[in-house]
PDB file of N, CA and C in Angstrom:
ATOM      1  N   MET A   1      12.861   8.617  -5.020  1.00  0.00           N
ATOM      2  CA  MET A   1      11.617   7.959  -4.657  1.00  0.00           C
ATOM      3  C   MET A   1      11.279   8.266  -3.199  1.00  0.00           C
ATOM      4  N   ASN A   2      10.041   8.540  -2.963  1.00  0.00           N
ATOM      5  CA  ASN A   2       9.551   8.834  -1.628  1.00  0.00           C
ATOM      6  C   ASN A   2       9.340   7.528  -0.867  1.00  0.00           C
ATOM      7  N   ASN A   3       9.868   7.435   0.348  1.00  0.00           N
ATOM      8  CA  ASN A   3       9.719   6.220   1.151  1.00  0.00           C
ATOM      9  C   ASN A   3       8.585   6.304   2.168  1.00  0.00           C
ATOM     10  N   GLU A   4       7.908   7.471   2.230  1.00  0.00           N
ATOM     11  CA  GLU A   4       6.857   7.645   3.228  1.00  0.00           C
ATOM     12  C   GLU A   4       5.708   6.668   2.990  1.00  0.00           C
ATOM     13  N   VAL A   5       5.108   6.243   4.102  1.00  0.00           N
ATOM     14  CA  VAL A   5       4.037   5.255   4.054  1.00  0.00           C
ATOM     15  C   VAL A   5       2.837   5.780   4.829  1.00  0.00           C
ATOM     16  N   MET A   6       1.664   5.649   4.236  1.00  0.00           N
ATOM     17  CA  MET A   6       0.407   5.993   4.917  1.00  0.00           C
ATOM     18  C   MET A   6      -0.294   4.697   5.307  1.00  0.00           C
ATOM     19  N   ILE A   7      -0.840   4.697   6.506  1.00  0.00           N
ATOM     20  CA  ILE A   7      -1.582   3.555   7.020  1.00  0.00           C
ATOM     21  C   ILE A   7      -2.965   4.054   7.432  1.00  0.00           C
ATOM     22  N   VAL A   8      -4.000   3.345   6.999  1.00  0.00           N
ATOM     23  CA  VAL A   8      -5.357   3.618   7.466  1.00  0.00           C
ATOM     24  C   VAL A   8      -5.867   2.329   8.097  1.00  0.00           C
ATOM     25  N   VAL A   9      -6.251   2.429   9.358  1.00  0.00           N
ATOM     26  CA  VAL A   9      -6.725   1.259  10.103  1.00  0.00           C
ATOM     27  C   VAL A   9      -8.174   1.509  10.514  1.00  0.00           C
ATOM     28  N   ASN A  10      -9.060   0.597  10.142  1.00  0.00           N
ATOM     29  CA  ASN A  10     -10.458   0.663  10.568  1.00  0.00           C
ATOM     30  C   ASN A  10     -10.713  -0.459  11.564  1.00  0.00           C
ATOM     31  N   ILE A  11     -11.109  -0.070  12.752  1.00  0.00           N
ATOM     32  CA  ILE A  11     -11.332  -1.020  13.844  1.00  0.00           C
ATOM     33  C   ILE A  11     -12.813  -1.023  14.202  1.00  0.00           C
ATOM     34  N   LEU A  12     -13.385  -2.183  14.269  1.00  0.00           N
ATOM     35  CA  LEU A  12     -14.767  -2.339  14.711  1.00  0.00           C
ATOM     36  C   LEU A  12     -14.737  -3.024  16.069  1.00  0.00           C
ATOM     37  N   CYS A  13     -15.145  -2.291  17.100  1.00  0.00           N
ATOM     38  CA  CYS A  13     -15.068  -2.771  18.486  1.00  0.00           C
ATOM     39  C   CYS A  13     -16.327  -3.505  18.902  1.00  0.00           C
ATOM     40  N   GLU A  14     -16.175  -4.373  19.866  1.00  0.00           N
ATOM     41  CA  GLU A  14     -17.341  -4.892  20.555  1.00  0.00           C
ATOM     42  C   GLU A  14     -17.863  -3.746  21.420  1.00  0.00           C
ATOM     43  N   THR A  15     -19.175  -3.557  21.432  1.00  0.00           N
ATOM     44  CA  THR A  15     -19.778  -2.402  22.096  1.00  0.00           C
ATOM     45  C   THR A  15     -19.323  -2.252  23.540  1.00  0.00           C
ATOM     46  N   GLN A  16     -19.307  -3.321  24.296  1.00  0.00           N
ATOM     47  CA  GLN A  16     -18.975  -3.239  25.723  1.00  0.00           C
ATOM     48  C   GLN A  16     -17.511  -2.901  25.975  1.00  0.00           C
ATOM     49  N   HIS A  17     -16.657  -3.024  24.952  1.00  0.00           N
ATOM     50  CA  HIS A  17     -15.228  -2.747  25.117  1.00  0.00           C
ATOM     51  C   HIS A  17     -14.784  -1.456  24.432  1.00  0.00           C
ATOM     52  N   TYR A  18     -15.729  -0.701  23.885  1.00  0.00           N
ATOM     53  CA  TYR A  18     -15.386   0.481  23.095  1.00  0.00           C
ATOM     54  C   TYR A  18     -14.485   1.453  23.855  1.00  0.00           C
ATOM     55  N   ASN A  19     -14.845   1.839  25.054  1.00  0.00           N
ATOM     56  CA  ASN A  19     -14.048   2.824  25.808  1.00  0.00           C
ATOM     57  C   ASN A  19     -12.659   2.295  26.154  1.00  0.00           C
ATOM     58  N   THR A  20     -12.572   1.025  26.477  1.00  0.00           N
ATOM     59  CA  THR A  20     -11.274   0.419  26.776  1.00  0.00           C
ATOM     60  C   THR A  20     -10.376   0.456  25.545  1.00  0.00           C
ATOM     61  N   VAL A  21     -10.943   0.097  24.399  1.00  0.00           N
ATOM     62  CA  VAL A  21     -10.174   0.099  23.150  1.00  0.00           C
ATOM     63  C   VAL A  21      -9.765   1.521  22.777  1.00  0.00           C
ATOM     64  N   LEU A  22     -10.697   2.452  22.839  1.00  0.00           N
ATOM     65  CA  LEU A  22     -10.390   3.832  22.478  1.00  0.00           C
ATOM     66  C   LEU A  22      -9.298   4.415  23.379  1.00  0.00           C
ATOM     67  N   ASN A  23      -9.374   4.160  24.664  1.00  0.00           N
ATOM     68  CA  ASN A  23      -8.341   4.650  25.590  1.00  0.00           C
ATOM     69  C   ASN A  23      -6.981   4.039  25.280  1.00  0.00           C
ATOM     70  N   ALA A  24      -6.955   2.754  24.945  1.00  0.00           N
ATOM     71  CA  ALA A  24      -5.693   2.088  24.597  1.00  0.00           C
ATOM     72  C   ALA A  24      -5.111   2.675  23.308  1.00  0.00           C
ATOM     73  N   ILE A  25      -5.983   2.998  22.362  1.00  0.00           N
ATOM     74  CA  ILE A  25      -5.526   3.604  21.106  1.00  0.00           C
ATOM     75  C   ILE A  25      -4.952   4.991  21.370  1.00  0.00           C
ATOM     76  N   TYR A  26      -5.642   5.791  22.171  1.00  0.00           N
ATOM     77  CA  TYR A  26      -5.124   7.127  22.490  1.00  0.00           C
ATOM     78  C   TYR A  26      -3.769   7.047  23.199  1.00  0.00           C
ATOM     79  N   LYS A  27      -3.609   6.073  24.082  1.00  0.00           N
ATOM     80  CA  LYS A  27      -2.327   5.892  24.777  1.00  0.00           C
ATOM     81  C   LYS A  27      -1.222   5.553  23.773  1.00  0.00           C
ATOM     82  N   CYS A  28      -1.510   4.608  22.886  1.00  0.00           N
ATOM     83  CA  CYS A  28      -0.527   4.226  21.873  1.00  0.00           C
ATOM     84  C   CYS A  28      -0.215   5.403  20.961  1.00  0.00           C
ATOM     85  N   ALA A  29      -1.225   6.148  20.563  1.00  0.00           N
ATOM     86  CA  ALA A  29      -1.021   7.299  19.676  1.00  0.00           C
ATOM     87  C   ALA A  29      -0.128   8.344  20.331  1.00  0.00           C
ATOM     88  N   SER A  30      -0.363   8.606  21.622  1.00  0.00           N
ATOM     89  CA  SER A  30       0.425   9.637  22.309  1.00  0.00           C
ATOM     90  C   SER A  30       1.896   9.256  22.409  1.00  0.00           C
ATOM     91  N   GLU A  31       2.176   7.966  22.470  1.00  0.00           N
ATOM     92  CA  GLU A  31       3.570   7.518  22.504  1.00  0.00           C
ATOM     93  C   GLU A  31       4.153   7.387  21.099  1.00  0.00           C
ATOM     94  N   SER A  32       3.316   7.016  20.139  1.00  0.00           N
ATOM     95  CA  SER A  32       3.784   6.834  18.761  1.00  0.00           C
ATOM     96  C   SER A  32       4.236   8.136  18.130  1.00  0.00           C
ATOM     97  N   VAL A  33       3.525   9.224  18.394  1.00  0.00           N
ATOM     98  CA  VAL A  33       3.893  10.506  17.774  1.00  0.00           C
ATOM     99  C   VAL A  33       5.253  11.006  18.258  1.00  0.00           C
ATOM    100  N   LEU A  34       5.764  10.437  19.332  1.00  0.00           N
ATOM    101  CA  LEU A  34       7.083  10.811  19.837  1.00  0.00           C
ATOM    102  C   LEU A  34       8.212  10.061  19.125  1.00  0.00           C
ATOM    103  N   GLU A  35       7.869   9.030  18.365  1.00  0.00           N
ATOM    104  CA  GLU A  35       8.881   8.266  17.632  1.00  0.00           C
ATOM    105  C   GLU A  35       9.426   9.102  16.481  1.00  0.00           C
ATOM    106  N   ASP A  36      10.734   8.957  16.223  1.00  0.00           N
ATOM    107  CA  ASP A  36      11.372   9.721  15.143  1.00  0.00           C
ATOM    108  C   ASP A  36      10.717   9.466  13.788  1.00  0.00           C
ATOM    109  N   GLY A  37      10.276   8.249  13.533  1.00  0.00           N
ATOM    110  CA  GLY A  37       9.739   7.908  12.221  1.00  0.00           C
ATOM    111  C   GLY A  37       8.279   8.241  12.018  1.00  0.00           C
ATOM    112  N   CYS A  38       7.586   8.648  13.071  1.00  0.00           N
ATOM    113  CA  CYS A  38       6.152   8.927  12.972  1.00  0.00           C
ATOM    114  C   CYS A  38       5.919  10.388  12.611  1.00  0.00           C
ATOM    115  N   GLU A  39       5.240  10.611  11.513  1.00  0.00           N
ATOM    116  CA  GLU A  39       4.913  11.964  11.091  1.00  0.00           C
ATOM    117  C   GLU A  39       3.449  12.312  11.383  1.00  0.00           C
ATOM    118  N   ARG A  40       2.639  11.302  11.624  1.00  0.00           N
ATOM    119  CA  ARG A  40       1.211  11.521  11.887  1.00  0.00           C
ATOM    120  C   ARG A  40       0.622  10.259  12.496  1.00  0.00           C
ATOM    121  N   TYR A  41      -0.236  10.442  13.491  1.00  0.00           N
ATOM    122  CA  TYR A  41      -0.947   9.311  14.090  1.00  0.00           C
ATOM    123  C   TYR A  41      -2.254   9.879  14.652  1.00  0.00           C
ATOM    124  N   ASP A  42      -3.269   9.889  13.821  1.00  0.00           N
ATOM    125  CA  ASP A  42      -4.555  10.500  14.178  1.00  0.00           C
ATOM    126  C   ASP A  42      -5.588   9.434  14.501  1.00  0.00           C
ATOM    127  N   VAL A  43      -6.433   9.744  15.468  1.00  0.00           N
ATOM    128  CA  VAL A  43      -7.488   8.823  15.912  1.00  0.00           C
ATOM    129  C   VAL A  43      -8.828   9.484  15.631  1.00  0.00           C
ATOM    130  N   TYR A  44      -9.693   8.771  14.921  1.00  0.00           N
ATOM    131  CA  TYR A  44     -11.010   9.297  14.555  1.00  0.00           C
ATOM    132  C   TYR A  44     -12.124   8.338  14.983  1.00  0.00           C
ATOM    133  N   PRO A  45     -12.741   8.581  16.134  1.00  0.00           N
ATOM    134  CA  PRO A  45     -13.931   7.806  16.488  1.00  0.00           C
ATOM    135  C   PRO A  45     -15.059   8.193  15.524  1.00  0.00           C
ATOM    136  N   ASP A  46     -15.755   7.228  14.999  1.00  0.00           N
ATOM    137  CA  ASP A  46     -16.824   7.477  14.028  1.00  0.00           C
ATOM    138  C   ASP A  46     -18.029   8.118  14.706  1.00  0.00           C
ATOM    139  N   ILE A  47     -18.558   9.181  14.125  1.00  0.00           N
ATOM    140  CA  ILE A  47     -19.701   9.865  14.741  1.00  0.00           C
ATOM    141  C   ILE A  47     -21.029   9.161  14.461  1.00  0.00           C
ATOM    142  N   ASN A  48     -21.062   8.283  13.489  1.00  0.00           N
ATOM    143  CA  ASN A  48     -22.309   7.601  13.134  1.00  0.00           C
ATOM    144  C   ASN A  48     -22.424   6.192  13.692  1.00  0.00           C
ATOM    145  N   ASP A  49     -21.325   5.602  14.037  1.00  0.00           N
ATOM    146  CA  ASP A  49     -21.320   4.216  14.501  1.00  0.00           C
ATOM    147  C   ASP A  49     -20.356   4.139  15.683  1.00  0.00           C
ATOM    148  N   SER A  50     -20.878   4.069  16.881  1.00  0.00           N
ATOM    149  CA  SER A  50     -20.036   4.148  18.076  1.00  0.00           C
ATOM    150  C   SER A  50     -19.074   2.976  18.236  1.00  0.00           C
ATOM    151  N   GLN A  51     -19.140   2.007  17.372  1.00  0.00           N
ATOM    152  CA  GLN A  51     -18.231   0.863  17.475  1.00  0.00           C
ATOM    153  C   GLN A  51     -17.003   0.994  16.578  1.00  0.00           C
ATOM    154  N   LYS A  52     -16.972   1.984  15.688  1.00  0.00           N
ATOM    155  CA  LYS A  52     -15.896   2.080  14.702  1.00  0.00           C
ATOM    156  C   LYS A  52     -14.907   3.182  15.074  1.00  0.00           C
ATOM    157  N   ILE A  53     -13.620   2.866  14.927  1.00  0.00           N
ATOM    158  CA  ILE A  53     -12.543   3.827  15.154  1.00  0.00           C
ATOM    159  C   ILE A  53     -11.592   3.720  13.957  1.00  0.00           C
ATOM    160  N   THR A  54     -11.214   4.867  13.418  1.00  0.00           N
ATOM    161  CA  THR A  54     -10.282   4.891  12.291  1.00  0.00           C
ATOM    162  C   THR A  54      -8.982   5.561  12.725  1.00  0.00           C
ATOM    163  N   LEU A  55      -7.870   4.969  12.365  1.00  0.00           N
ATOM    164  CA  LEU A  55      -6.545   5.532  12.613  1.00  0.00           C
ATOM    165  C   LEU A  55      -5.937   5.913  11.277  1.00  0.00           C
ATOM    166  N   VAL A  56      -5.283   7.070  11.215  1.00  0.00           N
ATOM    167  CA  VAL A  56      -4.542   7.486  10.030  1.00  0.00           C
ATOM    168  C   VAL A  56      -3.118   7.770  10.494  1.00  0.00           C
ATOM    169  N   GLU A  57      -2.186   7.019   9.934  1.00  0.00           N
ATOM    170  CA  GLU A  57      -0.792   7.135  10.333  1.00  0.00           C
ATOM    171  C   GLU A  57       0.069   7.471   9.117  1.00  0.00           C
ATOM    172  N   LYS A  58       1.128   8.222   9.356  1.00  0.00           N
ATOM    173  CA  LYS A  58       2.112   8.497   8.310  1.00  0.00           C
ATOM    174  C   LYS A  58       3.489   8.242   8.898  1.00  0.00           C
ATOM    175  N   TRP A  59       4.259   7.400   8.205  1.00  0.00           N
ATOM    176  CA  TRP A  59       5.589   7.009   8.658  1.00  0.00           C
ATOM    177  C   TRP A  59       6.617   7.375   7.600  1.00  0.00           C
ATOM    178  N   LYS A  60       7.820   7.722   8.036  1.00  0.00           N
ATOM    179  CA  LYS A  60       8.884   8.122   7.119  1.00  0.00           C
ATOM    180  C   LYS A  60       9.280   6.996   6.167  1.00  0.00           C
ATOM    181  N   SER A  61       9.123   5.739   6.623  1.00  0.00           N
ATOM    182  CA  SER A  61       9.486   4.592   5.786  1.00  0.00           C
ATOM    183  C   SER A  61       8.898   3.321   6.385  1.00  0.00           C
ATOM    184  N   LEU A  62       8.913   2.254   5.597  1.00  0.00           N
ATOM    185  CA  LEU A  62       8.476   0.949   6.115  1.00  0.00           C
ATOM    186  C   LEU A  62       9.376   0.494   7.251  1.00  0.00           C
ATOM    187  N   GLY A  63      10.653   0.843   7.176  1.00  0.00           N
ATOM    188  CA  GLY A  63      11.588   0.487   8.247  1.00  0.00           C
ATOM    189  C   GLY A  63      11.191   1.127   9.570  1.00  0.00           C
ATOM    190  N   GLU A  64      10.782   2.393   9.514  1.00  0.00           N
ATOM    191  CA  GLU A  64      10.339   3.087  10.730  1.00  0.00           C
ATOM    192  C   GLU A  64       9.049   2.463  11.259  1.00  0.00           C
ATOM    193  N   LEU A  65       8.165   2.079  10.365  1.00  0.00           N
ATOM    194  CA  LEU A  65       6.928   1.410  10.778  1.00  0.00           C
ATOM    195  C   LEU A  65       7.251   0.070  11.437  1.00  0.00           C
ATOM    196  N   ASP A  66       8.204  -0.659  10.878  1.00  0.00           N
ATOM    197  CA  ASP A  66       8.612  -1.936  11.473  1.00  0.00           C
ATOM    198  C   ASP A  66       9.189  -1.740  12.870  1.00  0.00           C
ATOM    199  N   LYS A  67       9.993  -0.683  13.059  1.00  0.00           N
ATOM    200  CA  LYS A  67      10.524  -0.386  14.396  1.00  0.00           C
ATOM    201  C   LYS A  67       9.383  -0.130  15.372  1.00  0.00           C
ATOM    202  N   HIS A  68       8.385   0.635  14.922  1.00  0.00           N
ATOM    203  CA  HIS A  68       7.208   0.947  15.741  1.00  0.00           C
ATOM    204  C   HIS A  68       6.529  -0.329  16.234  1.00  0.00           C
ATOM    205  N   LYS A  69       6.432  -1.312  15.363  1.00  0.00           N
ATOM    206  CA  LYS A  69       5.736  -2.566  15.695  1.00  0.00           C
ATOM    207  C   LYS A  69       6.500  -3.429  16.694  1.00  0.00           C
ATOM    208  N   ARG A  70       7.709  -3.036  17.054  1.00  0.00           N
ATOM    209  CA  ARG A  70       8.497  -3.786  18.038  1.00  0.00           C
ATOM    210  C   ARG A  70       8.579  -3.073  19.390  1.00  0.00           C
ATOM    211  N   LEU A  71       7.855  -1.976  19.536  1.00  0.00           N
ATOM    212  CA  LEU A  71       7.911  -1.197  20.772  1.00  0.00           C
ATOM    213  C   LEU A  71       6.808  -1.608  21.753  1.00  0.00           C
ATOM    214  N   PRO A  72       7.047  -1.405  23.044  1.00  0.00           N
ATOM    215  CA  PRO A  72       6.083  -1.838  24.069  1.00  0.00           C
ATOM    216  C   PRO A  72       4.682  -1.247  23.916  1.00  0.00           C
ATOM    217  N   HIS A  73       4.559   0.031  23.531  1.00  0.00           N
ATOM    218  CA  HIS A  73       3.219   0.609  23.428  1.00  0.00           C
ATOM    219  C   HIS A  73       2.426  -0.016  22.282  1.00  0.00           C
ATOM    220  N   TYR A  74       3.094  -0.454  21.228  1.00  0.00           N
ATOM    221  CA  TYR A  74       2.418  -1.170  20.146  1.00  0.00           C
ATOM    222  C   TYR A  74       1.938  -2.533  20.646  1.00  0.00           C
ATOM    223  N   ASP A  75       2.808  -3.239  21.355  1.00  0.00           N
ATOM    224  CA  ASP A  75       2.435  -4.549  21.913  1.00  0.00           C
ATOM    225  C   ASP A  75       1.261  -4.438  22.883  1.00  0.00           C
ATOM    226  N   GLU A  76       1.275  -3.397  23.703  1.00  0.00           N
ATOM    227  CA  GLU A  76       0.172  -3.187  24.648  1.00  0.00           C
ATOM    228  C   GLU A  76      -1.151  -2.994  23.911  1.00  0.00           C
ATOM    229  N   LEU A  77      -1.126  -2.206  22.849  1.00  0.00           N
ATOM    230  CA  LEU A  77      -2.348  -1.996  22.079  1.00  0.00           C
ATOM    231  C   LEU A  77      -2.826  -3.298  21.456  1.00  0.00           C
ATOM    232  N   GLN A  78      -1.909  -4.063  20.909  1.00  0.00           N
ATOM    233  CA  GLN A  78      -2.300  -5.331  20.295  1.00  0.00           C
ATOM    234  C   GLN A  78      -2.932  -6.275  21.314  1.00  0.00           C
ATOM    235  N   SER A  79      -2.426  -6.260  22.539  1.00  0.00           N
ATOM    236  CA  SER A  79      -3.003  -7.088  23.610  1.00  0.00           C
ATOM    237  C   SER A  79      -4.446  -6.690  23.900  1.00  0.00           C
ATOM    238  N   VAL A  80      -4.690  -5.389  23.951  1.00  0.00           N
ATOM    239  CA  VAL A  80      -6.054  -4.913  24.219  1.00  0.00           C
ATOM    240  C   VAL A  80      -6.971  -5.278  23.056  1.00  0.00           C
ATOM    241  N   LEU A  81      -6.501  -5.069  21.835  1.00  0.00           N
ATOM    242  CA  LEU A  81      -7.337  -5.332  20.669  1.00  0.00           C
ATOM    243  C   LEU A  81      -7.650  -6.809  20.476  1.00  0.00           C
ATOM    244  N   SER A  82      -6.768  -7.669  20.919  1.00  0.00           N
ATOM    245  CA  SER A  82      -6.865  -9.096  20.583  1.00  0.00           C
ATOM    246  C   SER A  82      -8.205  -9.742  20.926  1.00  0.00           C
ATOM    247  N   ASP A  83      -8.823  -9.348  22.013  1.00  0.00           N
ATOM    248  CA  ASP A  83     -10.083 -10.005  22.376  1.00  0.00           C
ATOM    249  C   ASP A  83     -11.239  -9.016  22.577  1.00  0.00           C
ATOM    250  N   LYS A  84     -11.077  -7.790  22.070  1.00  0.00           N
ATOM    251  CA  LYS A  84     -12.103  -6.774  22.286  1.00  0.00           C
ATOM    252  C   LYS A  84     -12.634  -6.146  21.001  1.00  0.00           C
ATOM    253  N   VAL A  85     -12.160  -6.623  19.863  1.00  0.00           N
ATOM    254  CA  VAL A  85     -12.623  -6.067  18.596  1.00  0.00           C
ATOM    255  C   VAL A  85     -13.217  -7.156  17.717  1.00  0.00           C
ATOM    256  N   LEU A  86     -14.128  -6.726  16.857  1.00  0.00           N
ATOM    257  CA  LEU A  86     -14.754  -7.653  15.916  1.00  0.00           C
ATOM    258  C   LEU A  86     -13.939  -7.781  14.637  1.00  0.00           C
ATOM    259  N   SER A  87     -13.304  -6.667  14.230  1.00  0.00           N
ATOM    260  CA  SER A  87     -12.477  -6.720  13.024  1.00  0.00           C
ATOM    261  C   SER A  87     -11.492  -5.561  13.003  1.00  0.00           C
ATOM    262  N   VAL A  88     -10.394  -5.790  12.277  1.00  0.00           N
ATOM    263  CA  VAL A  88      -9.387  -4.757  12.022  1.00  0.00           C
ATOM    264  C   VAL A  88      -9.018  -4.856  10.552  1.00  0.00           C
ATOM    265  N   LYS A  89      -9.180  -3.744   9.844  1.00  0.00           N
ATOM    266  CA  LYS A  89      -8.806  -3.698   8.427  1.00  0.00           C
ATOM    267  C   LYS A  89      -7.698  -2.667   8.277  1.00  0.00           C
ATOM    268  N   ILE A  90      -6.561  -3.093   7.707  1.00  0.00           N
ATOM    269  CA  ILE A  90      -5.405  -2.213   7.556  1.00  0.00           C
ATOM    270  C   ILE A  90      -5.111  -2.020   6.075  1.00  0.00           C
ATOM    271  N   GLU A  91      -5.017  -0.753   5.676  1.00  0.00           N
ATOM    272  CA  GLU A  91      -4.651  -0.412   4.297  1.00  0.00           C
ATOM    273  C   GLU A  91      -3.329   0.357   4.350  1.00  0.00           C
ATOM    274  N   THR A  92      -2.396  -0.026   3.492  1.00  0.00           N
ATOM    275  CA  THR A  92      -1.075   0.594   3.462  1.00  0.00           C
ATOM    276  C   THR A  92      -0.798   1.105   2.065  1.00  0.00           C
ATOM    277  N   ALA A  93      -0.262   2.337   1.979  1.00  0.00           N
ATOM    278  CA  ALA A  93       0.073   2.911   0.681  1.00  0.00           C
ATOM    279  C   ALA A  93       1.381   3.678   0.789  1.00  0.00           C
ATOM    280  N   ARG A  94       2.174   3.584  -0.242  1.00  0.00           N
ATOM    281  CA  ARG A  94       3.416   4.365  -0.304  1.00  0.00           C
ATOM    282  C   ARG A  94       3.087   5.690  -0.981  1.00  0.00           C
ATOM    283  N   LEU A  95       3.585   6.781  -0.413  1.00  0.00           N
ATOM    284  CA  LEU A  95       3.370   8.093  -1.004  1.00  0.00           C
ATOM    285  C   LEU A  95       4.311   8.272  -2.196  1.00  0.00           C
ATOM    286  N   VAL A  96       3.836   8.877  -3.225  1.00  0.00           N
ATOM    287  CA  VAL A  96       4.673   9.102  -4.413  1.00  0.00           C
ATOM    288  C   VAL A  96       4.952  10.572  -4.612  1.00  0.00           C
TER     289      VAL A  96
END
């Protein structure tokens, strides 16, 4: 059985905080791709709606994703997102 996990995160930012949020996401992404369990961490600013940012992540396992969520760069991103976004939708799927 394949343990790999795909994560798709859709973030809707408050307009005035868009650049701050995007920069924080890029910082987290640059550190996340260095983790052993991270196979992909892509950032896609939406070309039609300047408030939306989509993340596509691939992790070797749920355990590796859990480790990621305990690291300082993840916590820093969560701090930035906490009061600067309108919504965050996270979809998780196991690869088969």
